[in-house]
PDB file of N, CA and C in Angstrom:
ATOM      1  N   MET A   1     109.935 107.919 121.870  1.00  0.00           N
ATOM      2  CA  MET A   1     109.835 108.382 120.520  1.00  0.00           C
ATOM      3  C   MET A   1     108.837 109.511 120.651  1.00  0.00           C
ATOM      4  N   ALA A   2     109.080 110.733 120.148  1.00  0.00           N
ATOM      5  CA  ALA A   2     108.028 111.706 120.097  1.00  0.00           C
ATOM      6  C   ALA A   2     106.847 111.216 119.207  1.00  0.00           C
ATOM      7  N   LYS A   3     105.667 111.491 119.793  1.00  0.00           N
ATOM      8  CA  LYS A   3     104.356 111.081 119.265  1.00  0.00           C
ATOM      9  C   LYS A   3     104.159 111.843 117.859  1.00  0.00           C
ATOM     10  N   ASP A   4     104.594 113.084 117.812  1.00  0.00           N
ATOM     11  CA  ASP A   4     104.494 113.782 116.380  1.00  0.00           C
ATOM     12  C   ASP A   4     105.348 112.977 115.262  1.00  0.00           C
ATOM     13  N   THR A   5     106.564 112.619 115.738  1.00  0.00           N
ATOM     14  CA  THR A   5     107.313 111.914 114.693  1.00  0.00           C
ATOM     15  C   THR A   5     106.679 110.506 114.387  1.00  0.00           C
ATOM     16  N   LYS A   6     106.238 109.810 115.480  1.00  0.00           N
ATOM     17  CA  LYS A   6     105.640 108.526 115.088  1.00  0.00           C
ATOM     18  C   LYS A   6     104.536 108.845 114.056  1.00  0.00           C
ATOM     19  N   GLY A   7     103.645 109.864 114.417  1.00  0.00           N
ATOM     20  CA  GLY A   7     102.472 110.076 113.532  1.00  0.00           C
ATOM     21  C   GLY A   7     102.926 110.435 112.162  1.00  0.00           C
ATOM     22  N   GLN A   8     104.071 111.161 112.036  1.00  0.00           N
ATOM     23  CA  GLN A   8     104.502 111.547 110.683  1.00  0.00           C
ATOM     24  C   GLN A   8     104.957 110.243 109.870  1.00  0.00           C
ATOM     25  N   VAL A   9     105.677 109.345 110.408  1.00  0.00           N
ATOM     26  CA  VAL A   9     106.159 108.177 109.842  1.00  0.00           C
ATOM     27  C   VAL A   9     104.823 107.342 109.509  1.00  0.00           C
ATOM     28  N   GLU A  10     103.956 107.108 110.487  1.00  0.00           N
ATOM     29  CA  GLU A  10     102.783 106.415 110.110  1.00  0.00           C
ATOM     30  C   GLU A  10     101.974 107.033 108.987  1.00  0.00           C
ATOM     31  N   GLU A  11     101.852 108.346 108.910  1.00  0.00           N
ATOM     32  CA  GLU A  11     101.088 109.018 107.967  1.00  0.00           C
ATOM     33  C   GLU A  11     101.816 108.836 106.465  1.00  0.00           C
ATOM     34  N   ILE A  12     103.109 108.976 106.397  1.00  0.00           N
ATOM     35  CA  ILE A  12     103.900 108.698 105.235  1.00  0.00           C
ATOM     36  C   ILE A  12     103.712 107.244 104.757  1.00  0.00           C
ATOM     37  N   LEU A  13     103.792 106.345 105.799  1.00  0.00           N
ATOM     38  CA  LEU A  13     103.558 104.905 105.273  1.00  0.00           C
ATOM     39  C   LEU A  13     102.064 104.704 104.744  1.00  0.00           C
ATOM     40  N   SER A  14     101.136 105.283 105.289  1.00  0.00           N
ATOM     41  CA  SER A  14      99.657 105.406 104.947  1.00  0.00           C
ATOM     42  C   SER A  14      99.650 105.927 103.483  1.00  0.00           C
ATOM     43  N   GLU A  15     100.258 107.010 103.222  1.00  0.00           N
ATOM     44  CA  GLU A  15     100.235 107.620 102.001  1.00  0.00           C
ATOM     45  C   GLU A  15     100.917 106.812 100.883  1.00  0.00           C
ATOM     46  N   LEU A  16     102.015 106.175 101.274  1.00  0.00           N
ATOM     47  CA  LEU A  16     102.561 105.187 100.311  1.00  0.00           C
ATOM     48  C   LEU A  16     101.656 104.057  99.966  1.00  0.00           C
ATOM     49  N   GLY A  17     100.877 103.584 100.910  1.00  0.00           N
ATOM     50  CA  GLY A  17     100.058 102.561 100.587  1.00  0.00           C
ATOM     51  C   GLY A  17      98.967 102.961  99.704  1.00  0.00           C
ATOM     52  N   LYS A  18      98.474 104.056  99.842  1.00  0.00           N
ATOM     53  CA  LYS A  18      97.419 104.788  99.010  1.00  0.00           C
ATOM     54  C   LYS A  18      97.920 104.905  97.560  1.00  0.00           C
ATOM     55  N   LYS A  19      99.241 105.424  97.420  1.00  0.00           N
ATOM     56  CA  LYS A  19      99.797 105.614  96.070  1.00  0.00           C
ATOM     57  C   LYS A  19      99.944 104.251  95.352  1.00  0.00           C
ATOM     58  N   ILE A  20     100.387 103.214  96.174  1.00  0.00           N
ATOM     59  CA  ILE A  20     100.553 101.928  95.567  1.00  0.00           C
ATOM     60  C   ILE A  20      99.197 101.407  95.082  1.00  0.00           C
ATOM     61  N   ASP A  21      98.281 101.653  95.863  1.00  0.00           N
ATOM     62  CA  ASP A  21      96.853 101.163  95.488  1.00  0.00           C
ATOM     63  C   ASP A  21      96.401 101.823  94.221  1.00  0.00           C
ATOM     64  N   VAL A  22      96.701 103.121  94.000  1.00  0.00           N
ATOM     65  CA  VAL A  22      96.478 103.970  92.719  1.00  0.00           C
ATOM     66  C   VAL A  22      97.206 103.334  91.547  1.00  0.00           C
ATOM     67  N   LEU A  23      98.491 102.950  91.823  1.00  0.00           N
ATOM     68  CA  LEU A  23      99.327 102.172  90.739  1.00  0.00           C
ATOM     69  C   LEU A  23      98.619 100.943  90.257  1.00  0.00           C
ATOM     70  N   ILE A  24      98.196 100.212  91.270  1.00  0.00           N
ATOM     71  CA  ILE A  24      97.422  98.906  91.087  1.00  0.00           C
ATOM     72  C   ILE A  24      96.285  99.172  90.314  1.00  0.00           C
ATOM     73  N   ASN A  25      95.488 100.132  90.518  1.00  0.00           N
ATOM     74  CA  ASN A  25      94.204 100.551  89.703  1.00  0.00           C
ATOM     75  C   ASN A  25      94.671 100.893  88.278  1.00  0.00           C
ATOM     76  N   GLU A  26      95.699 101.741  88.211  1.00  0.00           N
ATOM     77  CA  GLU A  26      96.158 102.030  86.871  1.00  0.00           C
ATOM     78  C   GLU A  26      96.642 100.977  85.906  1.00  0.00           C
ATOM     79  N   THR A  27      97.201  99.927  86.700  1.00  0.00           N
ATOM     80  CA  THR A  27      97.805  98.843  85.877  1.00  0.00           C
ATOM     81  C   THR A  27      96.713  98.091  85.116  1.00  0.00           C
ATOM     82  N   LYS A  28      95.545  98.132  85.684  1.00  0.00           N
ATOM     83  CA  LYS A  28      94.362  97.548  84.982  1.00  0.00           C
ATOM     84  C   LYS A  28      94.048  98.037  83.627  1.00  0.00           C
ATOM     85  N   ASN A  29      94.375  99.230  83.454  1.00  0.00           N
ATOM     86  CA  ASN A  29      94.127  99.965  82.152  1.00  0.00           C
ATOM     87  C   ASN A  29      95.405 100.010  81.225  1.00  0.00           C
ATOM     88  N   ALA A  30      96.444  99.567  81.759  1.00  0.00           N
ATOM     89  CA  ALA A  30      97.679  99.691  81.047  1.00  0.00           C
ATOM     90  C   ALA A  30      97.765  98.382  80.118  1.00  0.00           C
ATOM     91  N   GLY A  31      98.562  98.376  79.119  1.00  0.00           N
ATOM     92  CA  GLY A  31      98.553  97.254  78.161  1.00  0.00           C
ATOM     93  C   GLY A  31      99.973  96.602  78.250  1.00  0.00           C
ATOM     94  N   GLY A  32      99.954  95.346  77.938  1.00  0.00           N
ATOM     95  CA  GLY A  32     101.178  94.446  77.865  1.00  0.00           C
ATOM     96  C   GLY A  32     102.394  94.803  78.623  1.00  0.00           C
ATOM     97  N   GLU A  33     103.503  95.287  77.975  1.00  0.00           N
ATOM     98  CA  GLU A  33     104.699  95.573  78.658  1.00  0.00           C
ATOM     99  C   GLU A  33     104.637  96.501  79.623  1.00  0.00           C
ATOM    100  N   VAL A  34     103.873  97.545  79.474  1.00  0.00           N
ATOM    101  CA  VAL A  34     103.771  98.667  80.522  1.00  0.00           C
ATOM    102  C   VAL A  34     103.174  97.967  81.774  1.00  0.00           C
ATOM    103  N   ARG A  35     102.013  97.202  81.682  1.00  0.00           N
ATOM    104  CA  ARG A  35     101.509  96.537  82.756  1.00  0.00           C
ATOM    105  C   ARG A  35     102.538  95.765  83.474  1.00  0.00           C
ATOM    106  N   ASP A  36     103.260  94.981  82.762  1.00  0.00           N
ATOM    107  CA  ASP A  36     104.230  94.025  83.376  1.00  0.00           C
ATOM    108  C   ASP A  36     105.325  94.875  84.263  1.00  0.00           C
ATOM    109  N   ASP A  37     105.720  95.874  83.607  1.00  0.00           N
ATOM    110  CA  ASP A  37     106.726  96.854  84.298  1.00  0.00           C
ATOM    111  C   ASP A  37     106.131  97.483  85.606  1.00  0.00           C
ATOM    112  N   ILE A  38     104.892  98.012  85.467  1.00  0.00           N
ATOM    113  CA  ILE A  38     104.223  98.418  86.689  1.00  0.00           C
ATOM    114  C   ILE A  38     104.060  97.471  87.665  1.00  0.00           C
ATOM    115  N   GLU A  39     103.553  96.299  87.219  1.00  0.00           N
ATOM    116  CA  GLU A  39     103.459  95.198  88.314  1.00  0.00           C
ATOM    117  C   GLU A  39     104.656  94.843  89.014  1.00  0.00           C
ATOM    118  N   ASP A  40     105.827  94.716  88.316  1.00  0.00           N
ATOM    119  CA  ASP A  40     107.039  94.554  88.925  1.00  0.00           C
ATOM    120  C   ASP A  40     107.369  95.649  89.863  1.00  0.00           C
ATOM    121  N   ARG A  41     107.060  96.686  89.578  1.00  0.00           N
ATOM    122  CA  ARG A  41     107.434  97.949  90.597  1.00  0.00           C
ATOM    123  C   ARG A  41     106.628  97.840  91.686  1.00  0.00           C
ATOM    124  N   ILE A  42     105.337  97.521  91.453  1.00  0.00           N
ATOM    125  CA  ILE A  42     104.365  97.457  92.542  1.00  0.00           C
ATOM    126  C   ILE A  42     104.783  96.402  93.568  1.00  0.00           C
ATOM    127  N   ARG A  43     105.124  95.208  93.104  1.00  0.00           N
ATOM    128  CA  ARG A  43     105.557  94.104  93.933  1.00  0.00           C
ATOM    129  C   ARG A  43     106.823  94.558  94.820  1.00  0.00           C
ATOM    130  N   GLU A  44     107.784  95.154  94.123  1.00  0.00           N
ATOM    131  CA  GLU A  44     108.906  95.679  94.870  1.00  0.00           C
ATOM    132  C   GLU A  44     108.708  96.754  95.882  1.00  0.00           C
ATOM    133  N   LEU A  45     107.789  97.645  95.563  1.00  0.00           N
ATOM    134  CA  LEU A  45     107.405  98.651  96.355  1.00  0.00           C
ATOM    135  C   LEU A  45     106.559  98.034  97.719  1.00  0.00           C
ATOM    136  N   LYS A  46     105.762  97.146  97.429  1.00  0.00           N
ATOM    137  CA  LYS A  46     104.976  96.597  98.511  1.00  0.00           C
ATOM    138  C   LYS A  46     105.962  95.835  99.512  1.00  0.00           C
ATOM    139  N   LYS A  47     106.909  95.166  98.964  1.00  0.00           N
ATOM    140  CA  LYS A  47     107.913  94.512  99.799  1.00  0.00           C
ATOM    141  C   LYS A  47     108.629  95.558 100.625  1.00  0.00           C
ATOM    142  N   ARG A  48     109.151  96.576  99.978  1.00  0.00           N
ATOM    143  CA  ARG A  48     109.861  97.623 100.747  1.00  0.00           C
ATOM    144  C   ARG A  48     108.913  98.220 101.773  1.00  0.00           C
ATOM    145  N   LYS A  49     107.782  98.491 101.524  1.00  0.00           N
ATOM    146  CA  LYS A  49     106.890  99.166 102.507  1.00  0.00           C
ATOM    147  C   LYS A  49     106.553  98.183 103.535  1.00  0.00           C
ATOM    148  N   SER A  50     106.407  96.923 103.342  1.00  0.00           N
ATOM    149  CA  SER A  50     106.068  95.963 104.408  1.00  0.00           C
ATOM    150  C   SER A  50     107.361  95.899 105.228  1.00  0.00           C
ATOM    151  N   LYS A  51     108.517  95.969 104.678  1.00  0.00           N
ATOM    152  CA  LYS A  51     109.770  95.895 105.580  1.00  0.00           C
ATOM    153  C   LYS A  51     109.812  97.139 106.427  1.00  0.00           C
ATOM    154  N   LEU A  52     109.618  98.239 105.772  1.00  0.00           N
ATOM    155  CA  LEU A  52     109.684  99.606 106.670  1.00  0.00           C
ATOM    156  C   LEU A  52     108.724  99.524 107.744  1.00  0.00           C
ATOM    157  N   GLU A  53     107.466  99.044 107.496  1.00  0.00           N
ATOM    158  CA  GLU A  53     106.440  98.960 108.607  1.00  0.00           C
ATOM    159  C   GLU A  53     106.922  98.019 109.672  1.00  0.00           C
ATOM    160  N   SER A  54     107.469  96.972 109.341  1.00  0.00           N
ATOM    161  CA  SER A  54     107.870  95.987 110.195  1.00  0.00           C
ATOM    162  C   SER A  54     109.035  96.602 111.161  1.00  0.00           C
ATOM    163  N   ASP A  55     109.977  97.183 110.422  1.00  0.00           N
ATOM    164  CA  ASP A  55     111.060  97.629 111.092  1.00  0.00           C
ATOM    165  C   ASP A  55     110.621  98.864 111.966  1.00  0.00           C
ATOM    166  N   PHE A  56     109.752  99.756 111.520  1.00  0.00           N
ATOM    167  CA  PHE A  56     109.155 100.745 112.382  1.00  0.00           C
ATOM    168  C   PHE A  56     108.433 100.161 113.715  1.00  0.00           C
ATOM    169  N   ARG A  57     107.669  99.071 113.516  1.00  0.00           N
ATOM    170  CA  ARG A  57     107.068  98.628 114.631  1.00  0.00           C
ATOM    171  C   ARG A  57     107.953  98.013 115.592  1.00  0.00           C
ATOM    172  N   ALA A  58     108.989  97.413 115.161  1.00  0.00           N
ATOM    173  CA  ALA A  58     110.004  96.672 116.010  1.00  0.00           C
ATOM    174  C   ALA A  58     110.831  97.738 116.750  1.00  0.00           C
ATOM    175  N   TYR A  59     111.239  98.755 116.116  1.00  0.00           N
ATOM    176  CA  TYR A  59     111.968  99.919 116.700  1.00  0.00           C
ATOM    177  C   TYR A  59     111.071 100.738 117.753  1.00  0.00           C
ATOM    178  N   LYS A  60     109.793 100.962 117.384  1.00  0.00           N
ATOM    179  CA  LYS A  60     108.990 101.578 118.126  1.00  0.00           C
ATOM    180  C   LYS A  60     108.683 100.859 119.415  1.00  0.00           C
ATOM    181  N   ASP A  61     108.529  99.580 119.351  1.00  0.00           N
ATOM    182  CA  ASP A  61     108.200  98.832 120.414  1.00  0.00           C
ATOM    183  C   ASP A  61     109.515  98.459 121.467  1.00  0.00           C
ATOM    184  N   LYS A  62     110.576  98.246 120.757  1.00  0.00           N
ATOM    185  CA  LYS A  62     111.801  97.771 121.489  1.00  0.00           C
ATOM    186  C   LYS A  62     112.750  98.888 121.890  1.00  0.00           C
ATOM    187  N   ASN A  63     112.717  99.988 121.142  1.00  0.00           N
ATOM    188  CA  ASN A  63     113.882 100.961 121.238  1.00  0.00           C
ATOM    189  C   ASN A  63     113.467 102.357 121.458  1.00  0.00           C
ATOM    190  N   ASP A  64     112.308 102.525 122.156  1.00  0.00           N
ATOM    191  CA  ASP A  64     111.906 103.880 122.229  1.00  0.00           C
ATOM    192  C   ASP A  64     112.949 104.844 122.677  1.00  0.00           C
ATOM    193  N   ASP A  65     113.838 104.318 123.598  1.00  0.00           N
ATOM    194  CA  ASP A  65     114.907 105.177 124.192  1.00  0.00           C
ATOM    195  C   ASP A  65     116.016 105.534 123.166  1.00  0.00           C
ATOM    196  N   LYS A  66     116.067 104.574 122.179  1.00  0.00           N
ATOM    197  CA  LYS A  66     117.089 104.834 121.114  1.00  0.00           C
ATOM    198  C   LYS A  66     116.526 105.620 119.701  1.00  0.00           C
ATOM    199  N   TRP A  67     115.306 106.076 119.942  1.00  0.00           N
ATOM    200  CA  TRP A  67     114.625 106.568 118.750  1.00  0.00           C
ATOM    201  C   TRP A  67     115.541 107.768 118.079  1.00  0.00           C
ATOM    202  N   GLN A  68     116.045 108.492 118.874  1.00  0.00           N
ATOM    203  CA  GLN A  68     116.850 109.689 118.061  1.00  0.00           C
ATOM    204  C   GLN A  68     117.977 109.109 117.384  1.00  0.00           C
ATOM    205  N   GLU A  69     118.543 108.032 117.863  1.00  0.00           N
ATOM    206  CA  GLU A  69     119.583 107.452 117.102  1.00  0.00           C
ATOM    207  C   GLU A  69     119.134 106.930 115.522  1.00  0.00           C
ATOM    208  N   ILE A  70     117.890 106.265 115.707  1.00  0.00           N
ATOM    209  CA  ILE A  70     117.486 105.544 114.451  1.00  0.00           C
ATOM    210  C   ILE A  70     116.569 106.442 113.620  1.00  0.00           C
ATOM    211  N   LYS A  71     116.059 107.520 114.200  1.00  0.00           N
ATOM    212  CA  LYS A  71     114.883 108.355 113.564  1.00  0.00           C
ATOM    213  C   LYS A  71     115.474 108.814 112.199  1.00  0.00           C
ATOM    214  N   GLN A  72     116.691 109.230 112.022  1.00  0.00           N
ATOM    215  CA  GLN A  72     117.112 109.757 110.766  1.00  0.00           C
ATOM    216  C   GLN A  72     117.221 108.706 109.769  1.00  0.00           C
ATOM    217  N   HIS A  73     117.689 107.490 110.105  1.00  0.00           N
ATOM    218  CA  HIS A  73     117.771 106.309 109.225  1.00  0.00           C
ATOM    219  C   HIS A  73     116.398 105.934 108.667  1.00  0.00           C
ATOM    220  N   LEU A  74     115.410 105.790 109.562  1.00  0.00           N
ATOM    221  CA  LEU A  74     114.165 105.453 109.184  1.00  0.00           C
ATOM    222  C   LEU A  74     113.489 106.672 108.297  1.00  0.00           C
ATOM    223  N   VAL A  75     113.669 107.815 108.611  1.00  0.00           N
ATOM    224  CA  VAL A  75     113.096 108.926 107.952  1.00  0.00           C
ATOM    225  C   VAL A  75     113.681 108.801 106.453  1.00  0.00           C
ATOM    226  N   THR A  76     114.856 108.499 106.389  1.00  0.00           N
ATOM    227  CA  THR A  76     115.562 108.544 105.063  1.00  0.00           C
ATOM    228  C   THR A  76     115.092 107.351 104.290  1.00  0.00           C
ATOM    229  N   ALA A  77     114.887 106.186 104.886  1.00  0.00           N
ATOM    230  CA  ALA A  77     114.367 105.100 104.188  1.00  0.00           C
ATOM    231  C   ALA A  77     112.958 105.160 103.686  1.00  0.00           C
ATOM    232  N   VAL A  78     112.189 105.866 104.587  1.00  0.00           N
ATOM    233  CA  VAL A  78     110.739 106.246 104.098  1.00  0.00           C
ATOM    234  C   VAL A  78     110.744 107.184 102.971  1.00  0.00           C
ATOM    235  N   HIS A  79     111.578 108.210 103.000  1.00  0.00           N
ATOM    236  CA  HIS A  79     111.653 109.261 102.008  1.00  0.00           C
ATOM    237  C   HIS A  79     112.153 108.537 100.749  1.00  0.00           C
ATOM    238  N   GLU A  80     113.082 107.735 100.718  1.00  0.00           N
ATOM    239  CA  GLU A  80     113.541 106.986  99.481  1.00  0.00           C
ATOM    240  C   GLU A  80     112.450 106.238  98.954  1.00  0.00           C
ATOM    241  N   LEU A  81     111.529 105.399  99.820  1.00  0.00           N
ATOM    242  CA  LEU A  81     110.526 104.611  99.278  1.00  0.00           C
ATOM    243  C   LEU A  81     109.390 105.707  98.726  1.00  0.00           C
ATOM    244  N   LYS A  82     109.157 106.717  99.413  1.00  0.00           N
ATOM    245  CA  LYS A  82     108.148 107.719  98.856  1.00  0.00           C
ATOM    246  C   LYS A  82     108.582 108.099  97.473  1.00  0.00           C
ATOM    247  N   LEU A  83     109.884 108.466  97.209  1.00  0.00           N
ATOM    248  CA  LEU A  83     110.416 108.904  95.992  1.00  0.00           C
ATOM    249  C   LEU A  83     110.201 107.852  94.945  1.00  0.00           C
ATOM    250  N   ALA A  84     110.469 106.669  95.344  1.00  0.00           N
ATOM    251  CA  ALA A  84     110.238 105.426  94.397  1.00  0.00           C
ATOM    252  C   ALA A  84     108.766 105.317  93.992  1.00  0.00           C
ATOM    253  N   VAL A  85     107.852 105.464  95.002  1.00  0.00           N
ATOM    254  CA  VAL A  85     106.390 105.343  94.435  1.00  0.00           C
ATOM    255  C   VAL A  85     106.058 106.598  93.567  1.00  0.00           C
ATOM    256  N   GLU A  86     106.566 107.771  93.902  1.00  0.00           N
ATOM    257  CA  GLU A  86     106.209 108.895  93.193  1.00  0.00           C
ATOM    258  C   GLU A  86     106.770 108.684  91.717  1.00  0.00           C
ATOM    259  N   THR A  87     108.076 108.180  91.684  1.00  0.00           N
ATOM    260  CA  THR A  87     108.562 107.973  90.332  1.00  0.00           C
ATOM    261  C   THR A  87     107.850 107.004  89.477  1.00  0.00           C
ATOM    262  N   ALA A  88     107.528 105.887  90.175  1.00  0.00           N
ATOM    263  CA  ALA A  88     106.620 104.944  89.540  1.00  0.00           C
ATOM    264  C   ALA A  88     105.323 105.478  89.075  1.00  0.00           C
ATOM    265  N   PHE A  89     104.667 106.150  89.953  1.00  0.00           N
ATOM    266  CA  PHE A  89     103.446 106.804  89.621  1.00  0.00           C
ATOM    267  C   PHE A  89     103.525 107.831  88.440  1.00  0.00           C
ATOM    268  N   THR A  90     104.465 108.500  88.459  1.00  0.00           N
ATOM    269  CA  THR A  90     104.838 109.488  87.314  1.00  0.00           C
ATOM    270  C   THR A  90     105.062 108.743  86.009  1.00  0.00           C
ATOM    271  N   ASP A  91     105.958 107.696  86.117  1.00  0.00           N
ATOM    272  CA  ASP A  91     106.280 106.907  84.886  1.00  0.00           C
ATOM    273  C   ASP A  91     104.971 106.143  84.293  1.00  0.00           C
ATOM    274  N   SER A  92     104.183 105.734  85.207  1.00  0.00           N
ATOM    275  CA  SER A  92     102.999 105.084  84.704  1.00  0.00           C
ATOM    276  C   SER A  92     101.919 106.024  84.067  1.00  0.00           C
ATOM    277  N   GLN A  93     101.971 107.231  84.680  1.00  0.00           N
ATOM    278  CA  GLN A  93     101.096 108.389  84.004  1.00  0.00           C
ATOM    279  C   GLN A  93     101.643 108.698  82.628  1.00  0.00           C
ATOM    280  N   LYS A  94     102.977 108.829  82.546  1.00  0.00           N
ATOM    281  CA  LYS A  94     103.629 109.250  81.187  1.00  0.00           C
ATOM    282  C   LYS A  94     103.278 108.049  80.121  1.00  0.00           C
ATOM    283  N   LYS A  95     103.385 106.788  80.519  1.00  0.00           N
ATOM    284  CA  LYS A  95     103.239 105.766  79.677  1.00  0.00           C
ATOM    285  C   LYS A  95     101.789 105.615  79.349  1.00  0.00           C
ATOM    286  N   LYS A  96     100.862 105.882  80.144  1.00  0.00           N
ATOM    287  CA  LYS A  96      99.399 105.863  80.025  1.00  0.00           C
ATOM    288  C   LYS A  96      99.085 106.734  78.896  1.00  0.00           C
ATOM    289  N   LYS A  97      99.716 107.997  78.913  1.00  0.00           N
ATOM    290  CA  LYS A  97      99.321 109.169  78.084  1.00  0.00           C
ATOM    291  C   LYS A  97      99.889 108.863  76.596  1.00  0.00           C
ATOM    292  N   LYS A  98     100.843 107.943  76.490  1.00  0.00           N
ATOM    293  CA  LYS A  98     101.406 107.704  75.114  1.00  0.00           C
ATOM    294  C   LYS A  98     100.474 106.877  74.312  1.00  0.00           C
TER     295      LYS A  98
END
């Protein structure tokens, strides 16, 4: 597995973790229904992020030679998770302003 690609995936996962942390902090200031919605999203995002991290470690350790085959699938999954976090973050910002 190319070191630069590993680094990119690890950087994206780290960025996702930071955005989830921001959502958690924003939840403290949200009220009632908004808070419940954000907390549900955060729980789901944490599960998805943990699974991606686990999958990434497993592939990285076991299938270094197969990296080219799986790289696109992993990058797509990370990208989808990143979009989900950004959407949740944007939604929480909009609800907070109302």
